[in-house]
Amino acid sequence: MKLNERQIKNAIPSEKPFKLNDGKGLYLYINRNGGKLWRFDFSYNGKRKTLSIGKYPTVSLVEARQAAENARCLLVSPPYFYTTICI
């Protein structure tokens, strides 16, 4: 189930850090001190990696989703574009 703004704002820190999952590897990591950080988990060369996207609310839910989608696109196809010159 995808996150919404209300769930994010109402997330209360606990003794242990926890995650609010948005799906497809994107989640909001809640620290014990109440800090909220966007992270994206993915596999690269068979190893699990984590990309830190930014702090909430500096990075909104929509922006975090877009950043995760951009990262997914880069994993699927490299950012190099080859063109053929036809004469």
PDB file of N, CA and C in Angstrom:
ATOM      1  N   MET A   1       0.841  -1.183   0.000  1.00  0.00           N
ATOM      2  CA  MET A   1       0.000   0.000   0.000  1.00  0.00           C
ATOM      3  C   MET A   1       0.884   1.243   0.000  1.00  0.00           C
ATOM      4  N   LYS A   2       0.569   2.175  -0.859  1.00  0.00           N
ATOM      5  CA  LYS A   2       1.367   3.393  -0.959  1.00  0.00           C
ATOM      6  C   LYS A   2       1.115   4.322   0.217  1.00  0.00           C
ATOM      7  N   LEU A   3       2.144   5.084   0.535  1.00  0.00           N
ATOM      8  CA  LEU A   3       2.042   6.066   1.616  1.00  0.00           C
ATOM      9  C   LEU A   3       1.229   7.272   1.178  1.00  0.00           C
ATOM     10  N   ASN A   4       0.712   7.999   2.162  1.00  0.00           N
ATOM     11  CA  ASN A   4       0.103   9.292   1.889  1.00  0.00           C
ATOM     12  C   ASN A   4       0.647  10.296   2.904  1.00  0.00           C
ATOM     13  N   GLU A   5       0.394  11.565   2.670  1.00  0.00           N
ATOM     14  CA  GLU A   5       0.939  12.630   3.523  1.00  0.00           C
ATOM     15  C   GLU A   5       0.507  12.480   4.981  1.00  0.00           C
ATOM     16  N   ARG A   6      -0.711  12.065   5.210  1.00  0.00           N
ATOM     17  CA  ARG A   6      -1.214  11.925   6.581  1.00  0.00           C
ATOM     18  C   ARG A   6      -0.420  10.871   7.350  1.00  0.00           C
ATOM     19  N   GLN A   7      -0.165   9.723   6.714  1.00  0.00           N
ATOM     20  CA  GLN A   7       0.609   8.671   7.368  1.00  0.00           C
ATOM     21  C   GLN A   7       2.013   9.157   7.719  1.00  0.00           C
ATOM     22  N   ILE A   8       2.605   9.914   6.822  1.00  0.00           N
ATOM     23  CA  ILE A   8       3.964  10.414   7.047  1.00  0.00           C
ATOM     24  C   ILE A   8       3.984  11.408   8.203  1.00  0.00           C
ATOM     25  N   LYS A   9       3.070  12.355   8.188  1.00  0.00           N
ATOM     26  CA  LYS A   9       3.032  13.375   9.241  1.00  0.00           C
ATOM     27  C   LYS A   9       2.694  12.780  10.604  1.00  0.00           C
ATOM     28  N   ASN A  10       1.869  11.727  10.632  1.00  0.00           N
ATOM     29  CA  ASN A  10       1.450  11.112  11.891  1.00  0.00           C
ATOM     30  C   ASN A  10       2.414  10.052  12.408  1.00  0.00           C
ATOM     31  N   ALA A  11       3.491   9.772  11.671  1.00  0.00           N
ATOM     32  CA  ALA A  11       4.457   8.759  12.104  1.00  0.00           C
ATOM     33  C   ALA A  11       5.191   9.245  13.350  1.00  0.00           C
ATOM     34  N   ILE A  12       5.069   8.472  14.422  1.00  0.00           N
ATOM     35  CA  ILE A  12       5.671   8.837  15.705  1.00  0.00           C
ATOM     36  C   ILE A  12       6.921   7.988  15.912  1.00  0.00           C
ATOM     37  N   PRO A  13       8.053   8.615  16.251  1.00  0.00           N
ATOM     38  CA  PRO A  13       9.275   7.838  16.481  1.00  0.00           C
ATOM     39  C   PRO A  13       9.114   6.876  17.660  1.00  0.00           C
ATOM     40  N   SER A  14       9.849   5.774  17.605  1.00  0.00           N
ATOM     41  CA  SER A  14       9.812   4.791  18.691  1.00  0.00           C
ATOM     42  C   SER A  14      11.241   4.528  19.164  1.00  0.00           C
ATOM     43  N   GLU A  15      11.402   3.571  20.066  1.00  0.00           N
ATOM     44  CA  GLU A  15      12.727   3.251  20.598  1.00  0.00           C
ATOM     45  C   GLU A  15      13.673   2.775  19.511  1.00  0.00           C
ATOM     46  N   LYS A  16      13.127   2.065  18.532  1.00  0.00           N
ATOM     47  CA  LYS A  16      13.939   1.561  17.430  1.00  0.00           C
ATOM     48  C   LYS A  16      13.542   2.273  16.145  1.00  0.00           C
ATOM     49  N   PRO A  17      14.515   2.537  15.268  1.00  0.00           N
ATOM     50  CA  PRO A  17      14.165   3.105  13.961  1.00  0.00           C
ATOM     51  C   PRO A  17      13.266   2.134  13.199  1.00  0.00           C
ATOM     52  N   PHE A  18      12.409   2.668  12.336  1.00  0.00           N
ATOM     53  CA  PHE A  18      11.540   1.807  11.536  1.00  0.00           C
ATOM     54  C   PHE A  18      11.315   2.427  10.169  1.00  0.00           C
ATOM     55  N   LYS A  19      10.700   1.638   9.281  1.00  0.00           N
ATOM     56  CA  LYS A  19      10.467   2.055   7.900  1.00  0.00           C
ATOM     57  C   LYS A  19       8.978   2.116   7.612  1.00  0.00           C
ATOM     58  N   LEU A  20       8.592   3.113   6.819  1.00  0.00           N
ATOM     59  CA  LEU A  20       7.249   3.173   6.238  1.00  0.00           C
ATOM     60  C   LEU A  20       7.431   2.913   4.746  1.00  0.00           C
ATOM     61  N   ASN A  21       6.980   1.766   4.288  1.00  0.00           N
ATOM     62  CA  ASN A  21       7.206   1.333   2.919  1.00  0.00           C
ATOM     63  C   ASN A  21       6.211   1.983   1.960  1.00  0.00           C
ATOM     64  N   ASP A  22       6.733   2.511   0.846  1.00  0.00           N
ATOM     65  CA  ASP A  22       5.881   3.081  -0.196  1.00  0.00           C
ATOM     66  C   ASP A  22       5.765   2.138  -1.391  1.00  0.00           C
ATOM     67  N   GLY A  23       6.622   1.149  -1.471  1.00  0.00           N
ATOM     68  CA  GLY A  23       6.586   0.197  -2.579  1.00  0.00           C
ATOM     69  C   GLY A  23       7.712   0.408  -3.566  1.00  0.00           C
ATOM     70  N   LYS A  24       8.050  -0.667  -4.283  1.00  0.00           N
ATOM     71  CA  LYS A  24       9.093  -0.661  -5.308  1.00  0.00           C
ATOM     72  C   LYS A  24      10.439  -0.172  -4.774  1.00  0.00           C
ATOM     73  N   GLY A  25      10.736  -0.493  -3.518  1.00  0.00           N
ATOM     74  CA  GLY A  25      12.039  -0.154  -2.945  1.00  0.00           C
ATOM     75  C   GLY A  25      12.118   1.177  -2.230  1.00  0.00           C
ATOM     76  N   LEU A  26      11.112   2.026  -2.378  1.00  0.00           N
ATOM     77  CA  LEU A  26      11.116   3.346  -1.734  1.00  0.00           C
ATOM     78  C   LEU A  26      10.488   3.248  -0.349  1.00  0.00           C
ATOM     79  N   TYR A  27      11.142   3.855   0.638  1.00  0.00           N
ATOM     80  CA  TYR A  27      10.577   3.888   1.987  1.00  0.00           C
ATOM     81  C   TYR A  27      11.051   5.127   2.733  1.00  0.00           C
ATOM     82  N   LEU A  28      10.319   5.444   3.784  1.00  0.00           N
ATOM     83  CA  LEU A  28      10.671   6.551   4.669  1.00  0.00           C
ATOM     84  C   LEU A  28      11.232   5.939   5.940  1.00  0.00           C
ATOM     85  N   TYR A  29      12.480   6.262   6.243  1.00  0.00           N
ATOM     86  CA  TYR A  29      13.161   5.738   7.429  1.00  0.00           C
ATOM     87  C   TYR A  29      12.952   6.729   8.565  1.00  0.00           C
ATOM     88  N   ILE A  30      12.384   6.268   9.671  1.00  0.00           N
ATOM     89  CA  ILE A  30      12.102   7.121  10.823  1.00  0.00           C
ATOM     90  C   ILE A  30      13.127   6.816  11.920  1.00  0.00           C
ATOM     91  N   ASN A  31      13.953   7.813  12.266  1.00  0.00           N
ATOM     92  CA  ASN A  31      14.957   7.669  13.330  1.00  0.00           C
ATOM     93  C   ASN A  31      14.301   7.710  14.700  1.00  0.00           C
ATOM     94  N   ARG A  32      15.057   7.320  15.710  1.00  0.00           N
ATOM     95  CA  ARG A  32      14.570   7.397  17.094  1.00  0.00           C
ATOM     96  C   ARG A  32      14.311   8.841  17.506  1.00  0.00           C
ATOM     97  N   ASN A  33      15.098   9.772  16.976  1.00  0.00           N
ATOM     98  CA  ASN A  33      14.932  11.183  17.353  1.00  0.00           C
ATOM     99  C   ASN A  33      13.855  11.893  16.533  1.00  0.00           C
ATOM    100  N   GLY A  34      13.188  11.166  15.632  1.00  0.00           N
ATOM    101  CA  GLY A  34      12.094  11.745  14.860  1.00  0.00           C
ATOM    102  C   GLY A  34      12.461  12.184  13.458  1.00  0.00           C
ATOM    103  N   GLY A  35      13.738  12.062  13.080  1.00  0.00           N
ATOM    104  CA  GLY A  35      14.153  12.413  11.720  1.00  0.00           C
ATOM    105  C   GLY A  35      13.530  11.472  10.704  1.00  0.00           C
ATOM    106  N   LYS A  36      13.118  12.007   9.574  1.00  0.00           N
ATOM    107  CA  LYS A  36      12.472  11.219   8.522  1.00  0.00           C
ATOM    108  C   LYS A  36      13.298  11.346   7.249  1.00  0.00           C
ATOM    109  N   LEU A  37      13.799  10.212   6.759  1.00  0.00           N
ATOM    110  CA  LEU A  37      14.697  10.187   5.611  1.00  0.00           C
ATOM    111  C   LEU A  37      14.158   9.274   4.517  1.00  0.00           C
ATOM    112  N   TRP A  38      14.151   9.778   3.291  1.00  0.00           N
ATOM    113  CA  TRP A  38      13.736   8.959   2.155  1.00  0.00           C
ATOM    114  C   TRP A  38      14.909   8.103   1.717  1.00  0.00           C
ATOM    115  N   ARG A  39      14.645   6.805   1.482  1.00  0.00           N
ATOM    116  CA  ARG A  39      15.662   5.883   0.999  1.00  0.00           C
ATOM    117  C   ARG A  39      15.063   4.977  -0.072  1.00  0.00           C
ATOM    118  N   PHE A  40      15.949   4.503  -0.936  1.00  0.00           N
ATOM    119  CA  PHE A  40      15.546   3.617  -2.025  1.00  0.00           C
ATOM    120  C   PHE A  40      16.495   2.421  -2.047  1.00  0.00           C
ATOM    121  N   ASP A  41      15.966   1.212  -1.882  1.00  0.00           N
ATOM    122  CA  ASP A  41      16.762  -0.017  -1.921  1.00  0.00           C
ATOM    123  C   ASP A  41      16.682  -0.639  -3.308  1.00  0.00           C
ATOM    124  N   PHE A  42      17.836  -1.132  -3.794  1.00  0.00           N
ATOM    125  CA  PHE A  42      17.890  -1.765  -5.105  1.00  0.00           C
ATOM    126  C   PHE A  42      19.047  -2.757  -5.137  1.00  0.00           C
ATOM    127  N   SER A  43      19.081  -3.581  -6.164  1.00  0.00           N
ATOM    128  CA  SER A  43      20.182  -4.526  -6.369  1.00  0.00           C
ATOM    129  C   SER A  43      21.024  -4.051  -7.535  1.00  0.00           C
ATOM    130  N   TYR A  44      22.340  -4.170  -7.370  1.00  0.00           N
ATOM    131  CA  TYR A  44      23.266  -3.816  -8.447  1.00  0.00           C
ATOM    132  C   TYR A  44      24.395  -4.833  -8.419  1.00  0.00           C
ATOM    133  N   ASN A  45      24.604  -5.502  -9.540  1.00  0.00           N
ATOM    134  CA  ASN A  45      25.607  -6.567  -9.638  1.00  0.00           C
ATOM    135  C   ASN A  45      25.420  -7.612  -8.541  1.00  0.00           C
ATOM    136  N   GLY A  46      24.174  -7.936  -8.244  1.00  0.00           N
ATOM    137  CA  GLY A  46      23.866  -8.966  -7.270  1.00  0.00           C
ATOM    138  C   GLY A  46      24.010  -8.551  -5.819  1.00  0.00           C
ATOM    139  N   LYS A  47      24.281  -7.282  -5.571  1.00  0.00           N
ATOM    140  CA  LYS A  47      24.430  -6.799  -4.195  1.00  0.00           C
ATOM    141  C   LYS A  47      23.345  -5.785  -3.877  1.00  0.00           C
ATOM    142  N   ARG A  48      22.877  -5.837  -2.637  1.00  0.00           N
ATOM    143  CA  ARG A  48      21.847  -4.892  -2.200  1.00  0.00           C
ATOM    144  C   ARG A  48      22.491  -3.547  -1.878  1.00  0.00           C
ATOM    145  N   LYS A  49      21.901  -2.493  -2.396  1.00  0.00           N
ATOM    146  CA  LYS A  49      22.392  -1.131  -2.191  1.00  0.00           C
ATOM    147  C   LYS A  49      21.246  -0.253  -1.707  1.00  0.00           C
ATOM    148  N   THR A  50      21.596   0.852  -1.046  1.00  0.00           N
ATOM    149  CA  THR A  50      20.606   1.822  -0.582  1.00  0.00           C
ATOM    150  C   THR A  50      21.013   3.205  -1.056  1.00  0.00           C
ATOM    151  N   LEU A  51      20.081   3.898  -1.687  1.00  0.00           N
ATOM    152  CA  LEU A  51      20.277   5.274  -2.126  1.00  0.00           C
ATOM    153  C   LEU A  51      19.521   6.187  -1.176  1.00  0.00           C
ATOM    154  N   SER A  52      20.221   7.138  -0.572  1.00  0.00           N
ATOM    155  CA  SER A  52      19.562   8.134   0.277  1.00  0.00           C
ATOM    156  C   SER A  52      19.089   9.268  -0.611  1.00  0.00           C
ATOM    157  N   ILE A  53      17.810   9.570  -0.547  1.00  0.00           N
ATOM    158  CA  ILE A  53      17.216  10.583  -1.419  1.00  0.00           C
ATOM    159  C   ILE A  53      17.177  11.945  -0.747  1.00  0.00           C
ATOM    160  N   GLY A  54      16.839  12.000   0.520  1.00  0.00           N
ATOM    161  CA  GLY A  54      16.785  13.278   1.228  1.00  0.00           C
ATOM    162  C   GLY A  54      15.868  13.221   2.428  1.00  0.00           C
ATOM    163  N   LYS A  55      15.810  14.348   3.128  1.00  0.00           N
ATOM    164  CA  LYS A  55      15.008  14.456   4.346  1.00  0.00           C
ATOM    165  C   LYS A  55      13.593  14.907   4.026  1.00  0.00           C
ATOM    166  N   TYR A  56      12.651  14.336   4.754  1.00  0.00           N
ATOM    167  CA  TYR A  56      11.279  14.826   4.691  1.00  0.00           C
ATOM    168  C   TYR A  56      11.156  15.910   5.751  1.00  0.00           C
ATOM    169  N   PRO A  57      10.555  17.043   5.520  1.00  0.00           N
ATOM    170  CA  PRO A  57       9.719  17.461   4.399  1.00  0.00           C
ATOM    171  C   PRO A  57      10.459  18.221   3.296  1.00  0.00           C
ATOM    172  N   THR A  58      11.803  18.348   3.410  1.00  0.00           N
ATOM    173  CA  THR A  58      12.555  19.031   2.350  1.00  0.00           C
ATOM    174  C   THR A  58      12.298  18.362   1.007  1.00  0.00           C
ATOM    175  N   VAL A  59      12.289  17.037   1.007  1.00  0.00           N
ATOM    176  CA  VAL A  59      11.940  16.253  -0.178  1.00  0.00           C
ATOM    177  C   VAL A  59      10.542  15.686   0.070  1.00  0.00           C
ATOM    178  N   SER A  60       9.594  16.099  -0.742  1.00  0.00           N
ATOM    179  CA  SER A  60       8.198  15.674  -0.558  1.00  0.00           C
ATOM    180  C   SER A  60       7.999  14.227  -1.015  1.00  0.00           C
ATOM    181  N   LEU A  61       6.839  13.701  -0.732  1.00  0.00           N
ATOM    182  CA  LEU A  61       6.481  12.352  -1.159  1.00  0.00           C
ATOM    183  C   LEU A  61       6.540  12.234  -2.683  1.00  0.00           C
ATOM    184  N   VAL A  62       5.999  13.200  -3.377  1.00  0.00           N
ATOM    185  CA  VAL A  62       5.995  13.186  -4.850  1.00  0.00           C
ATOM    186  C   VAL A  62       7.423  13.249  -5.389  1.00  0.00           C
ATOM    187  N   GLU A  63       8.254  14.108  -4.806  1.00  0.00           N
ATOM    188  CA  GLU A  63       9.647  14.233  -5.251  1.00  0.00           C
ATOM    189  C   GLU A  63      10.433  12.953  -4.968  1.00  0.00           C
ATOM    190  N   ALA A  64      10.183  12.321  -3.841  1.00  0.00           N
ATOM    191  CA  ALA A  64      10.869  11.070  -3.507  1.00  0.00           C
ATOM    192  C   ALA A  64      10.476   9.969  -4.485  1.00  0.00           C
ATOM    193  N   ARG A  65       9.205   9.901  -4.822  1.00  0.00           N
ATOM    194  CA  ARG A  65       8.754   8.901  -5.802  1.00  0.00           C
ATOM    195  C   ARG A  65       9.411   9.140  -7.158  1.00  0.00           C
ATOM    196  N   GLN A  66       9.512  10.400  -7.559  1.00  0.00           N
ATOM    197  CA  GLN A  66      10.142  10.721  -8.844  1.00  0.00           C
ATOM    198  C   GLN A  66      11.629  10.370  -8.823  1.00  0.00           C
ATOM    199  N   ALA A  67      12.309  10.660  -7.721  1.00  0.00           N
ATOM    200  CA  ALA A  67      13.731  10.330  -7.601  1.00  0.00           C
ATOM    201  C   ALA A  67      13.948   8.819  -7.666  1.00  0.00           C
ATOM    202  N   ALA A  68      13.082   8.057  -7.015  1.00  0.00           N
ATOM    203  CA  ALA A  68      13.184   6.598  -7.060  1.00  0.00           C
ATOM    204  C   ALA A  68      12.935   6.084  -8.476  1.00  0.00           C
ATOM    205  N   GLU A  69      11.968   6.654  -9.160  1.00  0.00           N
ATOM    206  CA  GLU A  69      11.685   6.258 -10.545  1.00  0.00           C
ATOM    207  C   GLU A  69      12.872   6.581 -11.451  1.00  0.00           C
ATOM    208  N   ASN A  70      13.482   7.747 -11.262  1.00  0.00           N
ATOM    209  CA  ASN A  70      14.673   8.113 -12.041  1.00  0.00           C
ATOM    210  C   ASN A  70      15.808   7.129 -11.788  1.00  0.00           C
ATOM    211  N   ALA A  71      15.994   6.732 -10.535  1.00  0.00           N
ATOM    212  CA  ALA A  71      17.041   5.766 -10.198  1.00  0.00           C
ATOM    213  C   ALA A  71      16.758   4.421 -10.865  1.00  0.00           C
ATOM    214  N   ARG A  72      15.501   3.993 -10.859  1.00  0.00           N
ATOM    215  CA  ARG A  72      15.125   2.737 -11.515  1.00  0.00           C
ATOM    216  C   ARG A  72      15.454   2.786 -13.003  1.00  0.00           C
ATOM    217  N   CYS A  73      15.173   3.917 -13.631  1.00  0.00           N
ATOM    218  CA  CYS A  73      15.456   4.072 -15.062  1.00  0.00           C
ATOM    219  C   CYS A  73      16.951   3.976 -15.340  1.00  0.00           C
ATOM    220  N   LEU A  74      17.762   4.576 -14.487  1.00  0.00           N
ATOM    221  CA  LEU A  74      19.210   4.512 -14.670  1.00  0.00           C
ATOM    222  C   LEU A  74      19.737   3.093 -14.478  1.00  0.00           C
ATOM    223  N   LEU A  75      19.098   2.318 -13.618  1.00  0.00           N
ATOM    224  CA  LEU A  75      19.526   0.938 -13.409  1.00  0.00           C
ATOM    225  C   LEU A  75      19.202   0.068 -14.616  1.00  0.00           C
ATOM    226  N   VAL A  76      18.107   0.361 -15.285  1.00  0.00           N
ATOM    227  CA  VAL A  76      17.678  -0.434 -16.434  1.00  0.00           C
ATOM    228  C   VAL A  76      18.482  -0.083 -17.676  1.00  0.00           C
ATOM    229  N   SER A  77      18.665   1.202 -17.933  1.00  0.00           N
ATOM    230  CA  SER A  77      19.422   1.615 -19.110  1.00  0.00           C
ATOM    231  C   SER A  77      20.408   2.703 -18.711  1.00  0.00           C
ATOM    232  N   PRO A  78      21.667   2.548 -19.105  1.00  0.00           N
ATOM    233  CA  PRO A  78      22.670   3.542 -18.729  1.00  0.00           C
ATOM    234  C   PRO A  78      22.362   4.902 -19.335  1.00  0.00           C
ATOM    235  N   PRO A  79      22.887   5.953 -18.734  1.00  0.00           N
ATOM    236  CA  PRO A  79      22.577   7.306 -19.197  1.00  0.00           C
ATOM    237  C   PRO A  79      23.303   7.725 -20.466  1.00  0.00           C
ATOM    238  N   TYR A  80      23.914   6.791 -21.151  1.00  0.00           N
ATOM    239  CA  TYR A  80      24.646   7.138 -22.368  1.00  0.00           C
ATOM    240  C   TYR A  80      23.757   6.858 -23.573  1.00  0.00           C
ATOM    241  N   PHE A  81      23.648   7.809 -24.419  1.00  0.00           N
ATOM    242  CA  PHE A  81      22.821   7.655 -25.608  1.00  0.00           C
ATOM    243  C   PHE A  81      23.727   7.671 -26.828  1.00  0.00           C
ATOM    244  N   TYR A  82      23.602   6.637 -27.633  1.00  0.00           N
ATOM    245  CA  TYR A  82      24.410   6.544 -28.838  1.00  0.00           C
ATOM    246  C   TYR A  82      23.531   6.900 -30.026  1.00  0.00           C
ATOM    247  N   THR A  83      24.068   7.691 -30.887  1.00  0.00           N
ATOM    248  CA  THR A  83      23.319   8.052 -32.093  1.00  0.00           C
ATOM    249  C   THR A  83      24.121   7.639 -33.318  1.00  0.00           C
ATOM    250  N   THR A  84      23.411   7.249 -34.327  1.00  0.00           N
ATOM    251  CA  THR A  84      24.034   6.898 -35.592  1.00  0.00           C
ATOM    252  C   THR A  84      23.767   8.020 -36.575  1.00  0.00           C
ATOM    253  N   ILE A  85      24.807   8.458 -37.209  1.00  0.00           N
ATOM    254  CA  ILE A  85      24.654   9.517 -38.209  1.00  0.00           C
ATOM    255  C   ILE A  85      24.384   8.851 -39.550  1.00  0.00           C
ATOM    256  N   CYS A  86      23.233   9.155 -40.087  1.00  0.00           N
ATOM    257  CA  CYS A  86      22.860   8.597 -41.387  1.00  0.00           C
ATOM    258  C   CYS A  86      23.116   9.644 -42.460  1.00  0.00           C
ATOM    259  N   ILE A  87      23.831   9.240 -43.500  1.00  0.00           N
ATOM    260  CA  ILE A  87      24.124  10.179 -44.595  1.00  0.00           C
ATOM    261  C   ILE A  87      23.365   9.761 -45.835  1.00  0.00           C
TER     262      ILE A  87
END
